[in-house]
PDB file of N, CA and C in Angstrom:
ATOM      1  N   MET A   1       0.847  -1.192   0.000  1.00  0.00           N
ATOM      2  CA  MET A   1       0.003   0.006   0.006  1.00  0.00           C
ATOM      3  C   MET A   1       0.896   1.245   0.006  1.00  0.00           C
ATOM      4  N   GLN A   2       0.549   2.200  -0.810  1.00  0.00           N
ATOM      5  CA  GLN A   2       1.322   3.407  -0.926  1.00  0.00           C
ATOM      6  C   GLN A   2       0.787   4.437   0.083  1.00  0.00           C
ATOM      7  N   HIS A   3       1.697   5.168   0.704  1.00  0.00           N
ATOM      8  CA  HIS A   3       1.302   6.177   1.668  1.00  0.00           C
ATOM      9  C   HIS A   3       1.359   7.560   1.015  1.00  0.00           C
ATOM     10  N   TYR A   4       0.389   8.351   1.249  1.00  0.00           N
ATOM     11  CA  TYR A   4       0.291   9.693   0.668  1.00  0.00           C
ATOM     12  C   TYR A   4       0.452  10.732   1.752  1.00  0.00           C
ATOM     13  N   LYS A   5       1.003  11.855   1.385  1.00  0.00           N
ATOM     14  CA  LYS A   5       1.211  12.946   2.347  1.00  0.00           C
ATOM     15  C   LYS A   5       0.061  13.954   2.171  1.00  0.00           C
ATOM     16  N   HIS A   6      -0.944  13.771   2.982  1.00  0.00           N
ATOM     17  CA  HIS A   6      -2.066  14.700   2.961  1.00  0.00           C
ATOM     18  C   HIS A   6      -1.817  15.790   4.024  1.00  0.00           C
ATOM     19  N   GLY A   7      -2.511  16.882   3.890  1.00  0.00           N
ATOM     20  CA  GLY A   7      -2.394  17.972   4.882  1.00  0.00           C
ATOM     21  C   GLY A   7      -3.744  18.384   5.398  1.00  0.00           C
ATOM     22  N   LEU A   8      -3.822  18.649   6.669  1.00  0.00           N
ATOM     23  CA  LEU A   8      -5.072  19.094   7.310  1.00  0.00           C
ATOM     24  C   LEU A   8      -4.806  20.291   8.173  1.00  0.00           C
ATOM     25  N   SER A   9      -5.602  21.344   7.991  1.00  0.00           N
ATOM     26  CA  SER A   9      -5.467  22.542   8.807  1.00  0.00           C
ATOM     27  C   SER A   9      -6.848  22.945   9.323  1.00  0.00           C
ATOM     28  N   ILE A  10      -6.951  23.077  10.642  1.00  0.00           N
ATOM     29  CA  ILE A  10      -8.210  23.467  11.266  1.00  0.00           C
ATOM     30  C   ILE A  10      -8.366  24.971  11.133  1.00  0.00           C
ATOM     31  N   THR A  11      -9.456  25.414  10.553  1.00  0.00           N
ATOM     32  CA  THR A  11      -9.731  26.840  10.356  1.00  0.00           C
ATOM     33  C   THR A  11     -10.472  27.427  11.560  1.00  0.00           C
ATOM     34  N   ASP A  12     -11.480  26.703  12.035  1.00  0.00           N
ATOM     35  CA  ASP A  12     -12.288  27.171  13.150  1.00  0.00           C
ATOM     36  C   ASP A  12     -13.068  26.021  13.738  1.00  0.00           C
ATOM     37  N   TYR A  13     -13.535  26.197  14.952  1.00  0.00           N
ATOM     38  CA  TYR A  13     -14.409  25.204  15.577  1.00  0.00           C
ATOM     39  C   TYR A  13     -15.228  25.889  16.643  1.00  0.00           C
ATOM     40  N   GLN A  14     -16.384  25.264  16.930  1.00  0.00           N
ATOM     41  CA  GLN A  14     -17.260  25.797  17.968  1.00  0.00           C
ATOM     42  C   GLN A  14     -18.105  24.659  18.519  1.00  0.00           C
ATOM     43  N   SER A  15     -18.237  24.655  19.840  1.00  0.00           N
ATOM     44  CA  SER A  15     -19.087  23.704  20.539  1.00  0.00           C
ATOM     45  C   SER A  15     -20.332  24.421  20.989  1.00  0.00           C
ATOM     46  N   THR A  16     -21.439  23.698  20.921  1.00  0.00           N
ATOM     47  CA  THR A  16     -22.716  24.264  21.327  1.00  0.00           C
ATOM     48  C   THR A  16     -23.119  23.728  22.699  1.00  0.00           C
ATOM     49  N   GLN A  17     -24.175  24.304  23.242  1.00  0.00           N
ATOM     50  CA  GLN A  17     -24.687  23.839  24.536  1.00  0.00           C
ATOM     51  C   GLN A  17     -25.255  22.438  24.444  1.00  0.00           C
ATOM     52  N   HIS A  18     -25.534  21.958  23.236  1.00  0.00           N
ATOM     53  CA  HIS A  18     -26.175  20.665  23.040  1.00  0.00           C
ATOM     54  C   HIS A  18     -25.138  19.590  22.726  1.00  0.00           C
ATOM     55  N   ASN A  19     -23.893  19.780  23.157  1.00  0.00           N
ATOM     56  CA  ASN A  19     -22.830  18.798  22.982  1.00  0.00           C
ATOM     57  C   ASN A  19     -22.556  18.469  21.540  1.00  0.00           C
ATOM     58  N   THR A  20     -22.689  19.451  20.683  1.00  0.00           N
ATOM     59  CA  THR A  20     -22.362  19.312  19.263  1.00  0.00           C
ATOM     60  C   THR A  20     -21.162  20.216  18.990  1.00  0.00           C
ATOM     61  N   THR A  21     -20.184  19.696  18.281  1.00  0.00           N
ATOM     62  CA  THR A  21     -18.994  20.470  17.909  1.00  0.00           C
ATOM     63  C   THR A  21     -18.907  20.563  16.413  1.00  0.00           C
ATOM     64  N   PHE A  22     -18.806  21.773  15.888  1.00  0.00           N
ATOM     65  CA  PHE A  22     -18.632  22.008  14.476  1.00  0.00           C
ATOM     66  C   PHE A  22     -17.173  22.371  14.212  1.00  0.00           C
ATOM     67  N   VAL A  23     -16.574  21.728  13.192  1.00  0.00           N
ATOM     68  CA  VAL A  23     -15.163  21.957  12.871  1.00  0.00           C
ATOM     69  C   VAL A  23     -15.061  22.305  11.403  1.00  0.00           C
ATOM     70  N   ILE A  24     -14.433  23.455  11.119  1.00  0.00           N
ATOM     71  CA  ILE A  24     -14.211  23.897   9.729  1.00  0.00           C
ATOM     72  C   ILE A  24     -12.712  23.719   9.469  1.00  0.00           C
ATOM     73  N   PHE A  25     -12.387  23.166   8.310  1.00  0.00           N
ATOM     74  CA  PHE A  25     -11.000  22.855   8.029  1.00  0.00           C
ATOM     75  C   PHE A  25     -10.703  22.911   6.543  1.00  0.00           C
ATOM     76  N   SER A  26      -9.417  22.952   6.212  1.00  0.00           N
ATOM     77  CA  SER A  26      -8.975  22.783   4.822  1.00  0.00           C
ATOM     78  C   SER A  26      -8.082  21.560   4.783  1.00  0.00           C
ATOM     79  N   VAL A  27      -8.113  20.897   3.654  1.00  0.00           N
ATOM     80  CA  VAL A  27      -7.354  19.664   3.507  1.00  0.00           C
ATOM     81  C   VAL A  27      -6.730  19.641   2.119  1.00  0.00           C
ATOM     82  N   TYR A  28      -5.532  19.129   2.057  1.00  0.00           N
ATOM     83  CA  TYR A  28      -4.862  18.898   0.764  1.00  0.00           C
ATOM     84  C   TYR A  28      -4.861  17.405   0.508  1.00  0.00           C
ATOM     85  N   ASP A  29      -5.490  17.030  -0.595  1.00  0.00           N
ATOM     86  CA  ASP A  29      -5.558  15.635  -1.019  1.00  0.00           C
ATOM     87  C   ASP A  29      -4.396  15.390  -1.981  1.00  0.00           C
ATOM     88  N   ASN A  30      -3.392  14.682  -1.503  1.00  0.00           N
ATOM     89  CA  ASN A  30      -2.201  14.465  -2.311  1.00  0.00           C
ATOM     90  C   ASN A  30      -2.457  13.506  -3.472  1.00  0.00           C
ATOM     91  N   VAL A  31      -3.448  12.631  -3.369  1.00  0.00           N
ATOM     92  CA  VAL A  31      -3.783  11.736  -4.455  1.00  0.00           C
ATOM     93  C   VAL A  31      -4.317  12.520  -5.644  1.00  0.00           C
ATOM     94  N   LEU A  32      -5.222  13.448  -5.355  1.00  0.00           N
ATOM     95  CA  LEU A  32      -5.863  14.287  -6.398  1.00  0.00           C
ATOM     96  C   LEU A  32      -5.063  15.525  -6.706  1.00  0.00           C
ATOM     97  N   GLY A  33      -4.143  15.917  -5.825  1.00  0.00           N
ATOM     98  CA  GLY A  33      -3.375  17.141  -6.028  1.00  0.00           C
ATOM     99  C   GLY A  33      -4.202  18.408  -5.902  1.00  0.00           C
ATOM    100  N   LYS A  34      -5.202  18.368  -5.037  1.00  0.00           N
ATOM    101  CA  LYS A  34      -6.132  19.502  -4.873  1.00  0.00           C
ATOM    102  C   LYS A  34      -6.371  19.809  -3.398  1.00  0.00           C
ATOM    103  N   SER A  35      -6.716  21.037  -3.127  1.00  0.00           N
ATOM    104  CA  SER A  35      -7.125  21.459  -1.789  1.00  0.00           C
ATOM    105  C   SER A  35      -8.653  21.577  -1.723  1.00  0.00           C
ATOM    106  N   PHE A  36      -9.176  21.292  -0.552  1.00  0.00           N
ATOM    107  CA  PHE A  36     -10.616  21.353  -0.335  1.00  0.00           C
ATOM    108  C   PHE A  36     -10.865  22.004   1.002  1.00  0.00           C
ATOM    109  N   GLU A  37     -12.044  22.608   1.162  1.00  0.00           N
ATOM    110  CA  GLU A  37     -12.507  23.099   2.447  1.00  0.00           C
ATOM    111  C   GLU A  37     -13.723  22.289   2.853  1.00  0.00           C
ATOM    112  N   GLY A  38     -13.865  22.071   4.155  1.00  0.00           N
ATOM    113  CA  GLY A  38     -15.002  21.259   4.592  1.00  0.00           C
ATOM    114  C   GLY A  38     -15.372  21.581   5.996  1.00  0.00           C
ATOM    115  N   GLU A  39     -16.515  21.000   6.389  1.00  0.00           N
ATOM    116  CA  GLU A  39     -17.015  21.150   7.731  1.00  0.00           C
ATOM    117  C   GLU A  39     -17.607  19.822   8.184  1.00  0.00           C
ATOM    118  N   VAL A  40     -17.356  19.484   9.412  1.00  0.00           N
ATOM    119  CA  VAL A  40     -17.998  18.318  10.011  1.00  0.00           C
ATOM    120  C   VAL A  40     -18.597  18.738  11.327  1.00  0.00           C
ATOM    121  N   LYS A  41     -19.561  17.959  11.762  1.00  0.00           N
ATOM    122  CA  LYS A  41     -20.098  18.155  13.113  1.00  0.00           C
ATOM    123  C   LYS A  41     -19.912  16.864  13.862  1.00  0.00           C
ATOM    124  N   PHE A  42     -19.543  16.963  15.111  1.00  0.00           N
ATOM    125  CA  PHE A  42     -19.418  15.813  15.978  1.00  0.00           C
ATOM    126  C   PHE A  42     -20.663  15.686  16.819  1.00  0.00           C
ATOM    127  N   LEU A  43     -21.299  14.520  16.722  1.00  0.00           N
ATOM    128  CA  LEU A  43     -22.440  14.163  17.551  1.00  0.00           C
ATOM    129  C   LEU A  43     -22.120  12.844  18.195  1.00  0.00           C
ATOM    130  N   GLY A  44     -22.190  12.773  19.518  1.00  0.00           N
ATOM    131  CA  GLY A  44     -21.906  11.546  20.211  1.00  0.00           C
ATOM    132  C   GLY A  44     -20.496  11.041  19.965  1.00  0.00           C
ATOM    133  N   GLY A  45     -19.564  11.951  19.718  1.00  0.00           N
ATOM    134  CA  GLY A  45     -18.198  11.573  19.539  1.00  0.00           C
ATOM    135  C   GLY A  45     -17.847  11.096  18.135  1.00  0.00           C
ATOM    136  N   ARG A  46     -18.795  11.191  17.211  1.00  0.00           N
ATOM    137  CA  ARG A  46     -18.578  10.766  15.824  1.00  0.00           C
ATOM    138  C   ARG A  46     -18.673  11.942  14.877  1.00  0.00           C
ATOM    139  N   PRO A  47     -17.805  12.041  13.871  1.00  0.00           N
ATOM    140  CA  PRO A  47     -17.890  13.117  12.883  1.00  0.00           C
ATOM    141  C   PRO A  47     -18.878  12.796  11.753  1.00  0.00           C
ATOM    142  N   PHE A  48     -19.598  13.800  11.362  1.00  0.00           N
ATOM    143  CA  PHE A  48     -20.539  13.659  10.251  1.00  0.00           C
ATOM    144  C   PHE A  48     -20.368  14.857   9.304  1.00  0.00           C
ATOM    145  N   GLY A  49     -20.489  14.590   7.995  1.00  0.00           N
ATOM    146  CA  GLY A  49     -20.401  15.636   7.010  1.00  0.00           C
ATOM    147  C   GLY A  49     -20.157  15.070   5.626  1.00  0.00           C
ATOM    148  N   ASP A  50     -20.612  15.761   4.620  1.00  0.00           N
ATOM    149  CA  ASP A  50     -20.460  15.267   3.248  1.00  0.00           C
ATOM    150  C   ASP A  50     -18.992  15.049   2.871  1.00  0.00           C
ATOM    151  N   ILE A  51     -18.112  15.888   3.382  1.00  0.00           N
ATOM    152  CA  ILE A  51     -16.716  15.800   2.984  1.00  0.00           C
ATOM    153  C   ILE A  51     -16.066  14.481   3.421  1.00  0.00           C
ATOM    154  N   ILE A  52     -16.615  13.837   4.433  1.00  0.00           N
ATOM    155  CA  ILE A  52     -16.089  12.534   4.865  1.00  0.00           C
ATOM    156  C   ILE A  52     -17.058  11.385   4.614  1.00  0.00           C
ATOM    157  N   HIS A  53     -18.182  11.679   3.977  1.00  0.00           N
ATOM    158  CA  HIS A  53     -19.171  10.664   3.690  1.00  0.00           C
ATOM    159  C   HIS A  53     -18.660   9.803   2.514  1.00  0.00           C
ATOM    160  N   GLU A  54     -18.728   8.490   2.698  1.00  0.00           N
ATOM    161  CA  GLU A  54     -18.166   7.556   1.713  1.00  0.00           C
ATOM    162  C   GLU A  54     -18.697   7.789   0.305  1.00  0.00           C
ATOM    163  N   ASP A  55     -19.969   8.145   0.165  1.00  0.00           N
ATOM    164  CA  ASP A  55     -20.556   8.280  -1.188  1.00  0.00           C
ATOM    165  C   ASP A  55     -20.604   9.704  -1.700  1.00  0.00           C
ATOM    166  N   ARG A  56     -20.426  10.697  -0.811  1.00  0.00           N
ATOM    167  CA  ARG A  56     -20.585  12.118  -1.229  1.00  0.00           C
ATOM    168  C   ARG A  56     -19.268  12.913  -1.243  1.00  0.00           C
ATOM    169  N   SER A  57     -18.215  12.346  -0.665  1.00  0.00           N
ATOM    170  CA  SER A  57     -16.985  13.103  -0.527  1.00  0.00           C
ATOM    171  C   SER A  57     -16.273  13.301  -1.860  1.00  0.00           C
ATOM    172  N   PRO A  58     -15.742  14.525  -2.086  1.00  0.00           N
ATOM    173  CA  PRO A  58     -14.930  14.770  -3.280  1.00  0.00           C
ATOM    174  C   PRO A  58     -13.499  14.299  -3.098  1.00  0.00           C
ATOM    175  N   LEU A  59     -13.146  13.878  -1.865  1.00  0.00           N
ATOM    176  CA  LEU A  59     -11.799  13.453  -1.555  1.00  0.00           C
ATOM    177  C   LEU A  59     -11.516  12.022  -2.034  1.00  0.00           C
ATOM    178  N   SER A  60     -10.253  11.715  -2.261  1.00  0.00           N
ATOM    179  CA  SER A  60      -9.870  10.329  -2.538  1.00  0.00           C
ATOM    180  C   SER A  60     -10.181   9.517  -1.312  1.00  0.00           C
ATOM    181  N   SER A  61     -10.351   8.223  -1.480  1.00  0.00           N
ATOM    182  CA  SER A  61     -10.690   7.381  -0.302  1.00  0.00           C
ATOM    183  C   SER A  61      -9.583   7.433   0.733  1.00  0.00           C
ATOM    184  N   GLU A  62      -8.325   7.516   0.299  1.00  0.00           N
ATOM    185  CA  GLU A  62      -7.212   7.582   1.257  1.00  0.00           C
ATOM    186  C   GLU A  62      -7.245   8.859   2.049  1.00  0.00           C
ATOM    187  N   CYS A  63      -7.524   9.965   1.384  1.00  0.00           N
ATOM    188  CA  CYS A  63      -7.563  11.262   2.052  1.00  0.00           C
ATOM    189  C   CYS A  63      -8.802  11.364   2.966  1.00  0.00           C
ATOM    190  N   ARG A  64      -9.913  10.830   2.522  1.00  0.00           N
ATOM    191  CA  ARG A  64     -11.141  10.844   3.324  1.00  0.00           C
ATOM    192  C   ARG A  64     -10.904  10.114   4.634  1.00  0.00           C
ATOM    193  N   GLN A  65     -10.223   8.970   4.566  1.00  0.00           N
ATOM    194  CA  GLN A  65      -9.912   8.196   5.754  1.00  0.00           C
ATOM    195  C   GLN A  65      -8.931   8.963   6.656  1.00  0.00           C
ATOM    196  N   PHE A  66      -7.939   9.596   6.038  1.00  0.00           N
ATOM    197  CA  PHE A  66      -6.956  10.404   6.778  1.00  0.00           C
ATOM    198  C   PHE A  66      -7.661  11.508   7.536  1.00  0.00           C
ATOM    199  N   VAL A  67      -8.569  12.229   6.877  1.00  0.00           N
ATOM    200  CA  VAL A  67      -9.268  13.334   7.503  1.00  0.00           C
ATOM    201  C   VAL A  67     -10.122  12.853   8.674  1.00  0.00           C
ATOM    202  N   GLU A  68     -10.889  11.783   8.477  1.00  0.00           N
ATOM    203  CA  GLU A  68     -11.744  11.281   9.538  1.00  0.00           C
ATOM    204  C   GLU A  68     -10.902  10.834  10.728  1.00  0.00           C
ATOM    205  N   GLU A  69      -9.791  10.123  10.494  1.00  0.00           N
ATOM    206  CA  GLU A  69      -8.961   9.669  11.607  1.00  0.00           C
ATOM    207  C   GLU A  69      -8.292  10.849  12.314  1.00  0.00           C
ATOM    208  N   ALA A  70      -7.800  11.833  11.545  1.00  0.00           N
ATOM    209  CA  ALA A  70      -7.141  12.959  12.174  1.00  0.00           C
ATOM    210  C   ALA A  70      -8.135  13.783  13.027  1.00  0.00           C
ATOM    211  N   LEU A  71      -9.341  13.995  12.492  1.00  0.00           N
ATOM    212  CA  LEU A  71     -10.324  14.757  13.271  1.00  0.00           C
ATOM    213  C   LEU A  71     -10.752  14.021  14.522  1.00  0.00           C
ATOM    214  N   LEU A  72     -10.951  12.703  14.394  1.00  0.00           N
ATOM    215  CA  LEU A  72     -11.309  11.899  15.577  1.00  0.00           C
ATOM    216  C   LEU A  72     -10.223  11.958  16.651  1.00  0.00           C
ATOM    217  N   GLU A  73      -8.963  11.900  16.223  1.00  0.00           N
ATOM    218  CA  GLU A  73      -7.858  11.983  17.160  1.00  0.00           C
ATOM    219  C   GLU A  73      -7.832  13.328  17.880  1.00  0.00           C
ATOM    220  N   LYS A  74      -8.025  14.407  17.131  1.00  0.00           N
ATOM    221  CA  LYS A  74      -8.054  15.728  17.737  1.00  0.00           C
ATOM    222  C   LYS A  74      -9.259  15.889  18.657  1.00  0.00           C
ATOM    223  N   TYR A  75     -10.398  15.363  18.261  1.00  0.00           N
ATOM    224  CA  TYR A  75     -11.598  15.436  19.105  1.00  0.00           C
ATOM    225  C   TYR A  75     -11.387  14.649  20.397  1.00  0.00           C
ATOM    226  N   ASN A  76     -10.845  13.426  20.278  1.00  0.00           N
ATOM    227  CA  ASN A  76     -10.609  12.621  21.455  1.00  0.00           C
ATOM    228  C   ASN A  76      -9.511  13.184  22.352  1.00  0.00           C
ATOM    229  N   ASN A  77      -8.611  13.954  21.808  1.00  0.00           N
ATOM    230  CA  ASN A  77      -7.593  14.650  22.606  1.00  0.00           C
ATOM    231  C   ASN A  77      -8.097  15.991  23.158  1.00  0.00           C
ATOM    232  N   MET A  78      -9.390  16.223  22.955  1.00  0.00           N
ATOM    233  CA  MET A  78     -10.090  17.438  23.462  1.00  0.00           C
ATOM    234  C   MET A  78      -9.499  18.732  22.891  1.00  0.00           C
ATOM    235  N   GLU A  79      -9.019  18.688  21.671  1.00  0.00           N
ATOM    236  CA  GLU A  79      -8.448  19.885  21.038  1.00  0.00           C
ATOM    237  C   GLU A  79      -9.529  20.853  20.575  1.00  0.00           C
ATOM    238  N   PHE A  80     -10.791  20.446  20.558  1.00  0.00           N
ATOM    239  CA  PHE A  80     -11.873  21.315  20.103  1.00  0.00           C
ATOM    240  C   PHE A  80     -12.700  21.848  21.243  1.00  0.00           C
ATOM    241  N   ASN A  81     -12.215  21.788  22.455  1.00  0.00           N
ATOM    242  CA  ASN A  81     -12.937  22.316  23.613  1.00  0.00           C
ATOM    243  C   ASN A  81     -12.791  23.831  23.650  1.00  0.00           C
ATOM    244  N   ASN A  82     -13.929  24.504  23.778  1.00  0.00           N
ATOM    245  CA  ASN A  82     -13.887  25.964  23.947  1.00  0.00           C
ATOM    246  C   ASN A  82     -13.495  26.314  25.374  1.00  0.00           C
ATOM    247  N   ILE A  83     -12.695  27.316  25.480  1.00  0.00           N
ATOM    248  CA  ILE A  83     -12.266  27.764  26.814  1.00  0.00           C
ATOM    249  C   ILE A  83     -13.099  28.917  27.284  1.00  0.00           C
TER     250      ILE A  83
END
């Protein structure tokens, strides 16, 4: 399996009173050679959004998996907690 160097940059995030966290980010898909902007929302500790949806994402499957794993890691490390 070939490894690709994708890039992810968090633009903004916000948590609501209803335990929902919205994360806006940009990502570079090294397979496609393109940059994308996207947003996901975390509900119950899981990210949801078209950009990481298996059937709707414009990202390559490798990059989509990279984004989902990176966002989950940041979420689980509490990097999206508002102070």
